[in-house]
Amino acid sequence: MSLAQRENSAALQKAADHYSQQMALQLRLPTDTLHELLIVHAECEKEAVAVFMEHSFKDDEQEFQRKLVVAIKEMMEAFMLQNEAPSVRHCQAEVEKLGEPLSESVLMVLFLFLWAQPLLRSQE
């Protein structure tokens, strides 16, 4: 591994760590809106790129910078999932709560249909 590759690998790790740490510090999950999360992400991404640029060495092909973009994208997806999880749980609980009376009604109609069917047939 060349000196430039070692320096750029270290710069990549430093920048990715910076992004992750800043997102964890600045975000209060779950956020009220996706927009709120995206604002924090944009600022942390900007800072991470600056950290990378400060520590990178001859990344002329932008190989390591592209790797940083991929790493940040993956971390952002993880933050988005963490942000969505409480909302999903809340919505599932509400659907279950609202669905209980409906399920009971369907069962009652089914029971009445099955109970009444023999009576109706006997009257034919």
PDB file of N, CA and C in Angstrom:
ATOM      1  N   MET A   1       0.855  -1.176   0.000  1.00  0.00           N
ATOM      2  CA  MET A   1       0.000   0.000   0.000  1.00  0.00           C
ATOM      3  C   MET A   1       0.899   1.237   0.000  1.00  0.00           C
ATOM      4  N   SER A   2       0.596   2.171  -0.883  1.00  0.00           N
ATOM      5  CA  SER A   2       1.420   3.374  -0.989  1.00  0.00           C
ATOM      6  C   SER A   2       1.103   4.342   0.149  1.00  0.00           C
ATOM      7  N   LEU A   3       1.968   5.320   0.307  1.00  0.00           N
ATOM      8  CA  LEU A   3       1.774   6.343   1.333  1.00  0.00           C
ATOM      9  C   LEU A   3       0.450   7.080   1.108  1.00  0.00           C
ATOM     10  N   ALA A   4       0.158   7.429  -0.140  1.00  0.00           N
ATOM     11  CA  ALA A   4      -1.086   8.146  -0.452  1.00  0.00           C
ATOM     12  C   ALA A   4      -2.304   7.303  -0.079  1.00  0.00           C
ATOM     13  N   GLN A   5      -2.256   6.013  -0.366  1.00  0.00           N
ATOM     14  CA  GLN A   5      -3.380   5.139  -0.024  1.00  0.00           C
ATOM     15  C   GLN A   5      -3.575   5.048   1.486  1.00  0.00           C
ATOM     16  N   ARG A   6      -2.464   4.945   2.220  1.00  0.00           N
ATOM     17  CA  ARG A   6      -2.559   4.895   3.693  1.00  0.00           C
ATOM     18  C   ARG A   6      -3.138   6.192   4.236  1.00  0.00           C
ATOM     19  N   GLU A   7      -2.632   7.313   3.740  1.00  0.00           N
ATOM     20  CA  GLU A   7      -3.123   8.622   4.192  1.00  0.00           C
ATOM     21  C   GLU A   7      -4.609   8.794   3.858  1.00  0.00           C
ATOM     22  N   ASN A   8      -4.983   8.390   2.661  1.00  0.00           N
ATOM     23  CA  ASN A   8      -6.370   8.558   2.241  1.00  0.00           C
ATOM     24  C   ASN A   8      -7.315   7.599   2.962  1.00  0.00           C
ATOM     25  N   SER A   9      -6.839   6.406   3.261  1.00  0.00           N
ATOM     26  CA  SER A   9      -7.645   5.472   4.065  1.00  0.00           C
ATOM     27  C   SER A   9      -7.881   6.042   5.455  1.00  0.00           C
ATOM     28  N   ALA A  10      -6.834   6.608   6.037  1.00  0.00           N
ATOM     29  CA  ALA A  10      -6.964   7.226   7.362  1.00  0.00           C
ATOM     30  C   ALA A  10      -7.881   8.447   7.296  1.00  0.00           C
ATOM     31  N   ALA A  11      -7.751   9.244   6.242  1.00  0.00           N
ATOM     32  CA  ALA A  11      -8.608  10.426   6.072  1.00  0.00           C
ATOM     33  C   ALA A  11     -10.066  10.008   5.898  1.00  0.00           C
ATOM     34  N   LEU A  12     -10.281   8.951   5.146  1.00  0.00           N
ATOM     35  CA  LEU A  12     -11.626   8.417   4.945  1.00  0.00           C
ATOM     36  C   LEU A  12     -12.233   7.979   6.276  1.00  0.00           C
ATOM     37  N   GLN A  13     -11.474   7.244   7.061  1.00  0.00           N
ATOM     38  CA  GLN A  13     -11.967   6.772   8.359  1.00  0.00           C
ATOM     39  C   GLN A  13     -12.261   7.939   9.303  1.00  0.00           C
ATOM     40  N   LYS A  14     -11.355   8.909   9.313  1.00  0.00           N
ATOM     41  CA  LYS A  14     -11.530  10.087  10.172  1.00  0.00           C
ATOM     42  C   LYS A  14     -12.805  10.850   9.791  1.00  0.00           C
ATOM     43  N   ALA A  15     -13.019  11.022   8.500  1.00  0.00           N
ATOM     44  CA  ALA A  15     -14.194  11.755   8.018  1.00  0.00           C
ATOM     45  C   ALA A  15     -15.482  10.980   8.304  1.00  0.00           C
ATOM     46  N   ALA A  16     -15.458   9.672   8.091  1.00  0.00           N
ATOM     47  CA  ALA A  16     -16.643   8.847   8.367  1.00  0.00           C
ATOM     48  C   ALA A  16     -16.970   8.863   9.858  1.00  0.00           C
ATOM     49  N   ASP A  17     -15.947   8.762  10.693  1.00  0.00           N
ATOM     50  CA  ASP A  17     -16.151   8.832  12.145  1.00  0.00           C
ATOM     51  C   ASP A  17     -16.734  10.186  12.544  1.00  0.00           C
ATOM     52  N   HIS A  18     -16.216  11.251  11.931  1.00  0.00           N
ATOM     53  CA  HIS A  18     -16.714  12.595  12.230  1.00  0.00           C
ATOM     54  C   HIS A  18     -18.206  12.691  11.891  1.00  0.00           C
ATOM     55  N   TYR A  19     -18.565  12.205  10.720  1.00  0.00           N
ATOM     56  CA  TYR A  19     -19.972  12.238  10.304  1.00  0.00           C
ATOM     57  C   TYR A  19     -20.846  11.489  11.310  1.00  0.00           C
ATOM     58  N   SER A  20     -20.453  10.280  11.630  1.00  0.00           N
ATOM     59  CA  SER A  20     -21.233   9.445  12.542  1.00  0.00           C
ATOM     60  C   SER A  20     -21.383  10.090  13.919  1.00  0.00           C
ATOM     61  N   GLN A  21     -20.286  10.610  14.441  1.00  0.00           N
ATOM     62  CA  GLN A  21     -20.312  11.246  15.764  1.00  0.00           C
ATOM     63  C   GLN A  21     -21.178  12.500  15.764  1.00  0.00           C
ATOM     64  N   GLN A  22     -21.048  13.316  14.739  1.00  0.00           N
ATOM     65  CA  GLN A  22     -21.828  14.553  14.682  1.00  0.00           C
ATOM     66  C   GLN A  22     -23.321  14.276  14.498  1.00  0.00           C
ATOM     67  N   MET A  23     -23.643  13.290  13.687  1.00  0.00           N
ATOM     68  CA  MET A  23     -25.056  12.926  13.518  1.00  0.00           C
ATOM     69  C   MET A  23     -25.629  12.459  14.854  1.00  0.00           C
ATOM     70  N   ALA A  24     -24.874  11.630  15.559  1.00  0.00           N
ATOM     71  CA  ALA A  24     -25.344  11.123  16.851  1.00  0.00           C
ATOM     72  C   ALA A  24     -25.505  12.254  17.865  1.00  0.00           C
ATOM     73  N   LEU A  25     -24.611  13.237  17.816  1.00  0.00           N
ATOM     74  CA  LEU A  25     -24.691  14.365  18.750  1.00  0.00           C
ATOM     75  C   LEU A  25     -25.826  15.333  18.421  1.00  0.00           C
ATOM     76  N   GLN A  26     -26.010  15.606  17.142  1.00  0.00           N
ATOM     77  CA  GLN A  26     -26.941  16.659  16.742  1.00  0.00           C
ATOM     78  C   GLN A  26     -28.383  16.197  16.554  1.00  0.00           C
ATOM     79  N   LEU A  27     -28.577  14.915  16.292  1.00  0.00           N
ATOM     80  CA  LEU A  27     -29.932  14.421  16.048  1.00  0.00           C
ATOM     81  C   LEU A  27     -30.599  13.974  17.334  1.00  0.00           C
ATOM     82  N   ARG A  28     -31.858  14.274  17.448  1.00  0.00           N
ATOM     83  CA  ARG A  28     -32.692  13.755  18.526  1.00  0.00           C
ATOM     84  C   ARG A  28     -33.752  12.898  17.840  1.00  0.00           C
ATOM     85  N   LEU A  29     -33.511  11.589  17.846  1.00  0.00           N
ATOM     86  CA  LEU A  29     -34.420  10.678  17.150  1.00  0.00           C
ATOM     87  C   LEU A  29     -35.578  10.278  18.044  1.00  0.00           C
ATOM     88  N   PRO A  30     -36.767  10.125  17.544  1.00  0.00           N
ATOM     89  CA  PRO A  30     -37.131  10.405  16.163  1.00  0.00           C
ATOM     90  C   PRO A  30     -37.347  11.901  15.945  1.00  0.00           C
ATOM     91  N   THR A  31     -37.048  12.342  14.739  1.00  0.00           N
ATOM     92  CA  THR A  31     -37.282  13.740  14.390  1.00  0.00           C
ATOM     93  C   THR A  31     -38.757  13.909  14.034  1.00  0.00           C
ATOM     94  N   ASP A  32     -39.235  15.131  14.125  1.00  0.00           N
ATOM     95  CA  ASP A  32     -40.633  15.397  13.782  1.00  0.00           C
ATOM     96  C   ASP A  32     -40.865  15.288  12.277  1.00  0.00           C
ATOM     97  N   THR A  33     -39.838  15.669  11.500  1.00  0.00           N
ATOM     98  CA  THR A  33     -39.975  15.628  10.043  1.00  0.00           C
ATOM     99  C   THR A  33     -38.703  15.073   9.422  1.00  0.00           C
ATOM    100  N   LEU A  34     -38.845  14.561   8.212  1.00  0.00           N
ATOM    101  CA  LEU A  34     -37.683  14.105   7.455  1.00  0.00           C
ATOM    102  C   LEU A  34     -36.781  15.288   7.138  1.00  0.00           C
ATOM    103  N   HIS A  35     -37.381  16.434   6.887  1.00  0.00           N
ATOM    104  CA  HIS A  35     -36.623  17.652   6.571  1.00  0.00           C
ATOM    105  C   HIS A  35     -35.618  17.972   7.679  1.00  0.00           C
ATOM    106  N   GLU A  36     -36.044  17.825   8.920  1.00  0.00           N
ATOM    107  CA  GLU A  36     -35.159  18.079  10.064  1.00  0.00           C
ATOM    108  C   GLU A  36     -33.933  17.162  10.016  1.00  0.00           C
ATOM    109  N   LEU A  37     -34.157  15.894   9.722  1.00  0.00           N
ATOM    110  CA  LEU A  37     -33.052  14.939   9.617  1.00  0.00           C
ATOM    111  C   LEU A  37     -32.134  15.304   8.453  1.00  0.00           C
ATOM    112  N   LEU A  38     -32.710  15.694   7.330  1.00  0.00           N
ATOM    113  CA  LEU A  38     -31.913  16.030   6.146  1.00  0.00           C
ATOM    114  C   LEU A  38     -31.051  17.269   6.354  1.00  0.00           C
ATOM    115  N   ILE A  39     -31.538  18.227   7.130  1.00  0.00           N
ATOM    116  CA  ILE A  39     -30.746  19.430   7.420  1.00  0.00           C
ATOM    117  C   ILE A  39     -29.500  19.055   8.222  1.00  0.00           C
ATOM    118  N   VAL A  40     -29.684  18.243   9.254  1.00  0.00           N
ATOM    119  CA  VAL A  40     -28.541  17.814  10.074  1.00  0.00           C
ATOM    120  C   VAL A  40     -27.586  16.981   9.225  1.00  0.00           C
ATOM    121  N   HIS A  41     -28.130  16.088   8.404  1.00  0.00           N
ATOM    122  CA  HIS A  41     -27.302  15.256   7.524  1.00  0.00           C
ATOM    123  C   HIS A  41     -26.446  16.121   6.600  1.00  0.00           C
ATOM    124  N   ALA A  42     -27.047  17.115   5.975  1.00  0.00           N
ATOM    125  CA  ALA A  42     -26.312  17.965   5.025  1.00  0.00           C
ATOM    126  C   ALA A  42     -25.154  18.679   5.708  1.00  0.00           C
ATOM    127  N   GLU A  43     -25.388  19.189   6.902  1.00  0.00           N
ATOM    128  CA  GLU A  43     -24.327  19.889   7.636  1.00  0.00           C
ATOM    129  C   GLU A  43     -23.213  18.920   8.037  1.00  0.00           C
ATOM    130  N   CYS A  44     -23.589  17.754   8.536  1.00  0.00           N
ATOM    131  CA  CYS A  44     -22.583  16.770   8.960  1.00  0.00           C
ATOM    132  C   CYS A  44     -21.800  16.231   7.766  1.00  0.00           C
ATOM    133  N   GLU A  45     -22.475  16.044   6.644  1.00  0.00           N
ATOM    134  CA  GLU A  45     -21.806  15.580   5.432  1.00  0.00           C
ATOM    135  C   GLU A  45     -20.792  16.622   4.960  1.00  0.00           C
ATOM    136  N   LYS A  46     -21.185  17.876   4.983  1.00  0.00           N
ATOM    137  CA  LYS A  46     -20.294  18.971   4.581  1.00  0.00           C
ATOM    138  C   LYS A  46     -19.041  18.988   5.465  1.00  0.00           C
ATOM    139  N   GLU A  47     -19.250  18.856   6.776  1.00  0.00           N
ATOM    140  CA  GLU A  47     -18.118  18.825   7.708  1.00  0.00           C
ATOM    141  C   GLU A  47     -17.226  17.612   7.454  1.00  0.00           C
ATOM    142  N   ALA A  48     -17.831  16.456   7.198  1.00  0.00           N
ATOM    143  CA  ALA A  48     -17.056  15.234   6.962  1.00  0.00           C
ATOM    144  C   ALA A  48     -16.195  15.360   5.706  1.00  0.00           C
ATOM    145  N   VAL A  49     -16.755  15.943   4.664  1.00  0.00           N
ATOM    146  CA  VAL A  49     -15.981  16.154   3.430  1.00  0.00           C
ATOM    147  C   VAL A  49     -14.821  17.105   3.705  1.00  0.00           C
ATOM    148  N   ALA A  50     -15.062  18.134   4.504  1.00  0.00           N
ATOM    149  CA  ALA A  50     -13.986  19.073   4.860  1.00  0.00           C
ATOM    150  C   ALA A  50     -12.887  18.361   5.645  1.00  0.00           C
ATOM    151  N   VAL A  51     -13.272  17.482   6.572  1.00  0.00           N
ATOM    152  CA  VAL A  51     -12.281  16.701   7.335  1.00  0.00           C
ATOM    153  C   VAL A  51     -11.476  15.833   6.374  1.00  0.00           C
ATOM    154  N   PHE A  52     -12.168  15.187   5.443  1.00  0.00           N
ATOM    155  CA  PHE A  52     -11.471  14.348   4.472  1.00  0.00           C
ATOM    156  C   PHE A  52     -10.495  15.169   3.638  1.00  0.00           C
ATOM    157  N   MET A  53     -10.950  16.297   3.121  1.00  0.00           N
ATOM    158  CA  MET A  53     -10.098  17.132   2.269  1.00  0.00           C
ATOM    159  C   MET A  53      -8.869  17.630   3.024  1.00  0.00           C
ATOM    160  N   GLU A  54      -9.054  17.913   4.301  1.00  0.00           N
ATOM    161  CA  GLU A  54      -7.947  18.396   5.129  1.00  0.00           C
ATOM    162  C   GLU A  54      -6.873  17.322   5.321  1.00  0.00           C
ATOM    163  N   HIS A  55      -7.277  16.060   5.381  1.00  0.00           N
ATOM    164  CA  HIS A  55      -6.334  14.983   5.688  1.00  0.00           C
ATOM    165  C   HIS A  55      -5.961  14.108   4.491  1.00  0.00           C
ATOM    166  N   SER A  56      -6.641  14.282   3.360  1.00  0.00           N
ATOM    167  CA  SER A  56      -6.339  13.425   2.208  1.00  0.00           C
ATOM    168  C   SER A  56      -5.058  13.891   1.515  1.00  0.00           C
ATOM    169  N   PHE A  57      -4.512  12.977   0.703  1.00  0.00           N
ATOM    170  CA  PHE A  57      -3.236  13.244   0.049  1.00  0.00           C
ATOM    171  C   PHE A  57      -3.293  12.669  -1.358  1.00  0.00           C
ATOM    172  N   LYS A  58      -3.234  13.534  -2.353  1.00  0.00           N
ATOM    173  CA  LYS A  58      -3.192  13.124  -3.762  1.00  0.00           C
ATOM    174  C   LYS A  58      -4.307  12.137  -4.130  1.00  0.00           C
ATOM    175  N   ASP A  59      -5.521  12.466  -3.774  1.00  0.00           N
ATOM    176  CA  ASP A  59      -6.667  11.639  -4.186  1.00  0.00           C
ATOM    177  C   ASP A  59      -7.191  12.190  -5.508  1.00  0.00           C
ATOM    178  N   ASP A  60      -6.277  12.252  -6.498  1.00  0.00           N
ATOM    179  CA  ASP A  60      -6.570  12.891  -7.777  1.00  0.00           C
ATOM    180  C   ASP A  60      -7.738  12.233  -8.516  1.00  0.00           C
ATOM    181  N   GLU A  61      -7.856  10.936  -8.400  1.00  0.00           N
ATOM    182  CA  GLU A  61      -8.947  10.207  -9.060  1.00  0.00           C
ATOM    183  C   GLU A  61     -10.226  10.233  -8.222  1.00  0.00           C
ATOM    184  N   GLN A  62     -10.165  10.823  -7.061  1.00  0.00           N
ATOM    185  CA  GLN A  62     -11.277  10.926  -6.102  1.00  0.00           C
ATOM    186  C   GLN A  62     -11.823   9.555  -5.693  1.00  0.00           C
ATOM    187  N   GLU A  63     -10.952   8.569  -5.709  1.00  0.00           N
ATOM    188  CA  GLU A  63     -11.341   7.208  -5.326  1.00  0.00           C
ATOM    189  C   GLU A  63     -11.818   7.168  -3.873  1.00  0.00           C
ATOM    190  N   PHE A  64     -11.036   7.760  -2.986  1.00  0.00           N
ATOM    191  CA  PHE A  64     -11.367   7.712  -1.564  1.00  0.00           C
ATOM    192  C   PHE A  64     -12.520   8.658  -1.225  1.00  0.00           C
ATOM    193  N   GLN A  65     -12.621   9.748  -1.953  1.00  0.00           N
ATOM    194  CA  GLN A  65     -13.749  10.653  -1.728  1.00  0.00           C
ATOM    195  C   GLN A  65     -15.058   9.968  -2.130  1.00  0.00           C
ATOM    196  N   ARG A  66     -15.040   9.203  -3.222  1.00  0.00           N
ATOM    197  CA  ARG A  66     -16.233   8.444  -3.622  1.00  0.00           C
ATOM    198  C   ARG A  66     -16.580   7.395  -2.566  1.00  0.00           C
ATOM    199  N   LYS A  67     -15.554   6.770  -1.993  1.00  0.00           N
ATOM    200  CA  LYS A  67     -15.795   5.794  -0.920  1.00  0.00           C
ATOM    201  C   LYS A  67     -16.424   6.474   0.294  1.00  0.00           C
ATOM    202  N   LEU A  68     -15.998   7.695   0.573  1.00  0.00           N
ATOM    203  CA  LEU A  68     -16.584   8.446   1.680  1.00  0.00           C
ATOM    204  C   LEU A  68     -18.063   8.717   1.407  1.00  0.00           C
ATOM    205  N   VAL A  69     -18.384   9.104   0.187  1.00  0.00           N
ATOM    206  CA  VAL A  69     -19.780   9.372  -0.173  1.00  0.00           C
ATOM    207  C   VAL A  69     -20.629   8.113   0.035  1.00  0.00           C
ATOM    208  N   VAL A  70     -20.108   6.965  -0.355  1.00  0.00           N
ATOM    209  CA  VAL A  70     -20.828   5.696  -0.169  1.00  0.00           C
ATOM    210  C   VAL A  70     -20.997   5.395   1.321  1.00  0.00           C
ATOM    211  N   ALA A  71     -19.937   5.585   2.094  1.00  0.00           N
ATOM    212  CA  ALA A  71     -20.004   5.327   3.541  1.00  0.00           C
ATOM    213  C   ALA A  71     -21.026   6.240   4.212  1.00  0.00           C
ATOM    214  N   ILE A  72     -21.030   7.504   3.833  1.00  0.00           N
ATOM    215  CA  ILE A  72     -21.991   8.456   4.408  1.00  0.00           C
ATOM    216  C   ILE A  72     -23.412   8.069   4.016  1.00  0.00           C
ATOM    217  N   LYS A  73     -23.598   7.654   2.772  1.00  0.00           N
ATOM    218  CA  LYS A  73     -24.932   7.234   2.317  1.00  0.00           C
ATOM    219  C   LYS A  73     -25.426   6.052   3.146  1.00  0.00           C
ATOM    220  N   GLU A  74     -24.566   5.080   3.394  1.00  0.00           N
ATOM    221  CA  GLU A  74     -24.946   3.909   4.190  1.00  0.00           C
ATOM    222  C   GLU A  74     -25.289   4.305   5.623  1.00  0.00           C
ATOM    223  N   MET A  75     -24.487   5.201   6.203  1.00  0.00           N
ATOM    224  CA  MET A  75     -24.773   5.651   7.569  1.00  0.00           C
ATOM    225  C   MET A  75     -26.080   6.434   7.610  1.00  0.00           C
ATOM    226  N   MET A  76     -26.321   7.252   6.591  1.00  0.00           N
ATOM    227  CA  MET A  76     -27.553   8.031   6.528  1.00  0.00           C
ATOM    228  C   MET A  76     -28.762   7.108   6.459  1.00  0.00           C
ATOM    229  N   GLU A  77     -28.669   6.043   5.671  1.00  0.00           N
ATOM    230  CA  GLU A  77     -29.765   5.079   5.581  1.00  0.00           C
ATOM    231  C   GLU A  77     -30.040   4.447   6.942  1.00  0.00           C
ATOM    232  N   ALA A  78     -28.985   4.153   7.694  1.00  0.00           N
ATOM    233  CA  ALA A  78     -29.157   3.588   9.038  1.00  0.00           C
ATOM    234  C   ALA A  78     -29.846   4.591   9.962  1.00  0.00           C
ATOM    235  N   PHE A  79     -29.453   5.855   9.888  1.00  0.00           N
ATOM    236  CA  PHE A  79     -30.111   6.885  10.701  1.00  0.00           C
ATOM    237  C   PHE A  79     -31.582   7.030  10.304  1.00  0.00           C
ATOM    238  N   MET A  80     -31.868   6.941   9.011  1.00  0.00           N
ATOM    239  CA  MET A  80     -33.254   7.053   8.556  1.00  0.00           C
ATOM    240  C   MET A  80     -34.095   5.894   9.089  1.00  0.00           C
ATOM    241  N   LEU A  81     -33.528   4.692   9.089  1.00  0.00           N
ATOM    242  CA  LEU A  81     -34.252   3.540   9.636  1.00  0.00           C
ATOM    243  C   LEU A  81     -34.501   3.710  11.128  1.00  0.00           C
ATOM    244  N   GLN A  82     -33.493   4.202  11.844  1.00  0.00           N
ATOM    245  CA  GLN A  82     -33.671   4.461  13.277  1.00  0.00           C
ATOM    246  C   GLN A  82     -34.754   5.513  13.495  1.00  0.00           C
ATOM    247  N   ASN A  83     -34.810   6.476  12.608  1.00  0.00           N
ATOM    248  CA  ASN A  83     -35.791   7.549  12.719  1.00  0.00           C
ATOM    249  C   ASN A  83     -37.206   7.037  12.422  1.00  0.00           C
ATOM    250  N   GLU A  84     -37.325   6.130  11.474  1.00  0.00           N
ATOM    251  CA  GLU A  84     -38.630   5.622  11.063  1.00  0.00           C
ATOM    252  C   GLU A  84     -39.195   4.585  12.027  1.00  0.00           C
ATOM    253  N   ALA A  85     -38.340   3.844  12.702  1.00  0.00           N
ATOM    254  CA  ALA A  85     -38.792   2.715  13.525  1.00  0.00           C
ATOM    255  C   ALA A  85     -39.869   3.092  14.544  1.00  0.00           C
ATOM    256  N   PRO A  86     -39.701   4.158  15.337  1.00  0.00           N
ATOM    257  CA  PRO A  86     -40.760   4.499  16.296  1.00  0.00           C
ATOM    258  C   PRO A  86     -42.084   4.857  15.609  1.00  0.00           C
ATOM    259  N   SER A  87     -42.014   5.512  14.467  1.00  0.00           N
ATOM    260  CA  SER A  87     -43.234   5.867  13.731  1.00  0.00           C
ATOM    261  C   SER A  87     -43.938   4.614  13.224  1.00  0.00           C
ATOM    262  N   VAL A  88     -43.166   3.682  12.717  1.00  0.00           N
ATOM    263  CA  VAL A  88     -43.740   2.429  12.219  1.00  0.00           C
ATOM    264  C   VAL A  88     -44.418   1.680  13.361  1.00  0.00           C
ATOM    265  N   ARG A  89     -43.732   1.587  14.507  1.00  0.00           N
ATOM    266  CA  ARG A  89     -44.326   0.896  15.664  1.00  0.00           C
ATOM    267  C   ARG A  89     -45.624   1.579  16.100  1.00  0.00           C
ATOM    268  N   HIS A  90     -45.618   2.903  16.142  1.00  0.00           N
ATOM    269  CA  HIS A  90     -46.813   3.649  16.539  1.00  0.00           C
ATOM    270  C   HIS A  90     -47.964   3.388  15.559  1.00  0.00           C
ATOM    271  N   CYS A  91     -47.675   3.451  14.276  1.00  0.00           N
ATOM    272  CA  CYS A  91     -48.714   3.234  13.265  1.00  0.00           C
ATOM    273  C   CYS A  91     -49.261   1.806  13.333  1.00  0.00           C
ATOM    274  N   GLN A  92     -48.382   0.827  13.518  1.00  0.00           N
ATOM    275  CA  GLN A  92     -48.836  -0.556  13.629  1.00  0.00           C
ATOM    276  C   GLN A  92     -49.749  -0.732  14.841  1.00  0.00           C
ATOM    277  N   ALA A  93     -49.396  -0.110  15.952  1.00  0.00           N
ATOM    278  CA  ALA A  93     -50.225  -0.199  17.158  1.00  0.00           C
ATOM    279  C   ALA A  93     -51.591   0.434  16.913  1.00  0.00           C
ATOM    280  N   GLU A  94     -51.614   1.573  16.230  1.00  0.00           N
ATOM    281  CA  GLU A  94     -52.886   2.239  15.934  1.00  0.00           C
ATOM    282  C   GLU A  94     -53.751   1.394  15.004  1.00  0.00           C
ATOM    283  N   VAL A  95     -53.141   0.802  13.993  1.00  0.00           N
ATOM    284  CA  VAL A  95     -53.891  -0.046  13.061  1.00  0.00           C
ATOM    285  C   VAL A  95     -54.474  -1.247  13.805  1.00  0.00           C
ATOM    286  N   GLU A  96     -53.675  -1.856  14.669  1.00  0.00           N
ATOM    287  CA  GLU A  96     -54.169  -2.991  15.451  1.00  0.00           C
ATOM    288  C   GLU A  96     -55.321  -2.566  16.355  1.00  0.00           C
ATOM    289  N   LYS A  97     -55.171  -1.407  16.990  1.00  0.00           N
ATOM    290  CA  LYS A  97     -56.218  -0.910  17.885  1.00  0.00           C
ATOM    291  C   LYS A  97     -57.510  -0.639  17.100  1.00  0.00           C
ATOM    292  N   LEU A  98     -57.376  -0.011  15.937  1.00  0.00           N
ATOM    293  CA  LEU A  98     -58.546   0.288  15.119  1.00  0.00           C
ATOM    294  C   LEU A  98     -59.127  -0.967  14.473  1.00  0.00           C
ATOM    295  N   GLY A  99     -58.282  -1.947  14.230  1.00  0.00           N
ATOM    296  CA  GLY A  99     -58.720  -3.171  13.567  1.00  0.00           C
ATOM    297  C   GLY A  99     -59.431  -4.154  14.466  1.00  0.00           C
ATOM    298  N   GLU A 100     -59.251  -4.051  15.791  1.00  0.00           N
ATOM    299  CA  GLU A 100     -59.882  -5.000  16.711  1.00  0.00           C
ATOM    300  C   GLU A 100     -61.400  -5.015  16.580  1.00  0.00           C
ATOM    301  N   PRO A 101     -62.077  -3.855  16.647  1.00  0.00           N
ATOM    302  CA  PRO A 101     -63.543  -3.895  16.498  1.00  0.00           C
ATOM    303  C   PRO A 101     -63.975  -4.455  15.143  1.00  0.00           C
ATOM    304  N   LEU A 102     -63.222  -4.141  14.101  1.00  0.00           N
ATOM    305  CA  LEU A 102     -63.548  -4.649  12.775  1.00  0.00           C
ATOM    306  C   LEU A 102     -63.415  -6.165  12.744  1.00  0.00           C
ATOM    307  N   SER A 103     -62.355  -6.688  13.318  1.00  0.00           N
ATOM    308  CA  SER A 103     -62.152  -8.137  13.366  1.00  0.00           C
ATOM    309  C   SER A 103     -63.280  -8.807  14.131  1.00  0.00           C
ATOM    310  N   GLU A 104     -63.677  -8.201  15.243  1.00  0.00           N
ATOM    311  CA  GLU A 104     -64.773  -8.753  16.033  1.00  0.00           C
ATOM    312  C   GLU A 104     -66.073  -8.735  15.238  1.00  0.00           C
ATOM    313  N   SER A 105     -66.310  -7.669  14.498  1.00  0.00           N
ATOM    314  CA  SER A 105     -67.525  -7.568  13.682  1.00  0.00           C
ATOM    315  C   SER A 105     -67.537  -8.619  12.585  1.00  0.00           C
ATOM    316  N   VAL A 106     -66.419  -8.815  11.939  1.00  0.00           N
ATOM    317  CA  VAL A 106     -66.326  -9.819  10.877  1.00  0.00           C
ATOM    318  C   VAL A 106     -66.588 -11.200  11.457  1.00  0.00           C
ATOM    319  N   LEU A 107     -66.005 -11.490  12.611  1.00  0.00           N
ATOM    320  CA  LEU A 107     -66.238 -12.787  13.248  1.00  0.00           C
ATOM    321  C   LEU A 107     -67.710 -12.963  13.618  1.00  0.00           C
ATOM    322  N   MET A 108     -68.347 -11.909  14.106  1.00  0.00           N
ATOM    323  CA  MET A 108     -69.759 -11.974  14.484  1.00  0.00           C
ATOM    324  C   MET A 108     -70.624 -12.248  13.253  1.00  0.00           C
ATOM    325  N   VAL A 109     -70.362 -11.548  12.157  1.00  0.00           N
ATOM    326  CA  VAL A 109     -71.123 -11.763  10.925  1.00  0.00           C
ATOM    327  C   VAL A 109     -70.915 -13.184  10.425  1.00  0.00           C
ATOM    328  N   LEU A 110     -69.694 -13.655  10.452  1.00  0.00           N
ATOM    329  CA  LEU A 110     -69.393 -15.015  10.020  1.00  0.00           C
ATOM    330  C   LEU A 110     -70.132 -16.029  10.890  1.00  0.00           C
ATOM    331  N   PHE A 111     -70.091 -15.815  12.197  1.00  0.00           N
ATOM    332  CA  PHE A 111     -70.785 -16.708  13.125  1.00  0.00           C
ATOM    333  C   PHE A 111     -72.283 -16.715  12.834  1.00  0.00           C
ATOM    334  N   LEU A 112     -72.873 -15.527  12.673  1.00  0.00           N
ATOM    335  CA  LEU A 112     -74.307 -15.443  12.400  1.00  0.00           C
ATOM    336  C   LEU A 112     -74.665 -16.106  11.075  1.00  0.00           C
ATOM    337  N   PHE A 113     -73.829 -15.911  10.076  1.00  0.00           N
ATOM    338  CA  PHE A 113     -74.069 -16.527   8.773  1.00  0.00           C
ATOM    339  C   PHE A 113     -74.040 -18.043   8.891  1.00  0.00           C
ATOM    340  N   LEU A 114     -73.012 -18.564   9.555  1.00  0.00           N
ATOM    341  CA  LEU A 114     -72.891 -20.013   9.702  1.00  0.00           C
ATOM    342  C   LEU A 114     -74.019 -20.576  10.569  1.00  0.00           C
ATOM    343  N   TRP A 115     -74.437 -19.831  11.569  1.00  0.00           N
ATOM    344  CA  TRP A 115     -75.506 -20.268  12.458  1.00  0.00           C
ATOM    345  C   TRP A 115     -76.856 -20.218  11.744  1.00  0.00           C
ATOM    346  N   ALA A 116     -77.060 -19.149  10.965  1.00  0.00           N
ATOM    347  CA  ALA A 116     -78.352 -18.955  10.310  1.00  0.00           C
ATOM    348  C   ALA A 116     -78.514 -19.796   9.054  1.00  0.00           C
ATOM    349  N   GLN A 117     -77.452 -20.189   8.427  1.00  0.00           N
ATOM    350  CA  GLN A 117     -77.527 -20.920   7.164  1.00  0.00           C
ATOM    351  C   GLN A 117     -78.349 -22.212   7.288  1.00  0.00           C
ATOM    352  N   PRO A 118     -78.087 -23.047   8.291  1.00  0.00           N
ATOM    353  CA  PRO A 118     -78.912 -24.264   8.403  1.00  0.00           C
ATOM    354  C   PRO A 118     -80.395 -23.940   8.643  1.00  0.00           C
ATOM    355  N   LEU A 119     -80.677 -22.882   9.406  1.00  0.00           N
ATOM    356  CA  LEU A 119     -82.066 -22.501   9.660  1.00  0.00           C
ATOM    357  C   LEU A 119     -82.763 -22.071   8.375  1.00  0.00           C
ATOM    358  N   LEU A 120     -82.043 -21.298   7.557  1.00  0.00           N
ATOM    359  CA  LEU A 120     -82.620 -20.837   6.295  1.00  0.00           C
ATOM    360  C   LEU A 120     -82.857 -22.001   5.339  1.00  0.00           C
ATOM    361  N   ARG A 121     -81.956 -22.953   5.325  1.00  0.00           N
ATOM    362  CA  ARG A 121     -82.102 -24.119   4.451  1.00  0.00           C
ATOM    363  C   ARG A 121     -83.299 -24.976   4.886  1.00  0.00           C
ATOM    364  N   SER A 122     -83.500 -25.077   6.183  1.00  0.00           N
ATOM    365  CA  SER A 122     -84.610 -25.904   6.670  1.00  0.00           C
ATOM    366  C   SER A 122     -85.960 -25.269   6.352  1.00  0.00           C
ATOM    367  N   GLN A 123     -86.002 -23.970   6.129  1.00  0.00           N
ATOM    368  CA  GLN A 123     -87.255 -23.284   5.808  1.00  0.00           C
ATOM    369  C   GLN A 123     -87.574 -23.332   4.316  1.00  0.00           C
ATOM    370  N   GLU A 124     -86.618 -23.764   3.509  1.00  0.00           N
ATOM    371  CA  GLU A 124     -86.840 -23.804   2.055  1.00  0.00           C
ATOM    372  C   GLU A 124     -87.777 -24.876   1.668  1.00  0.00           C
TER     373      GLU A 124
END
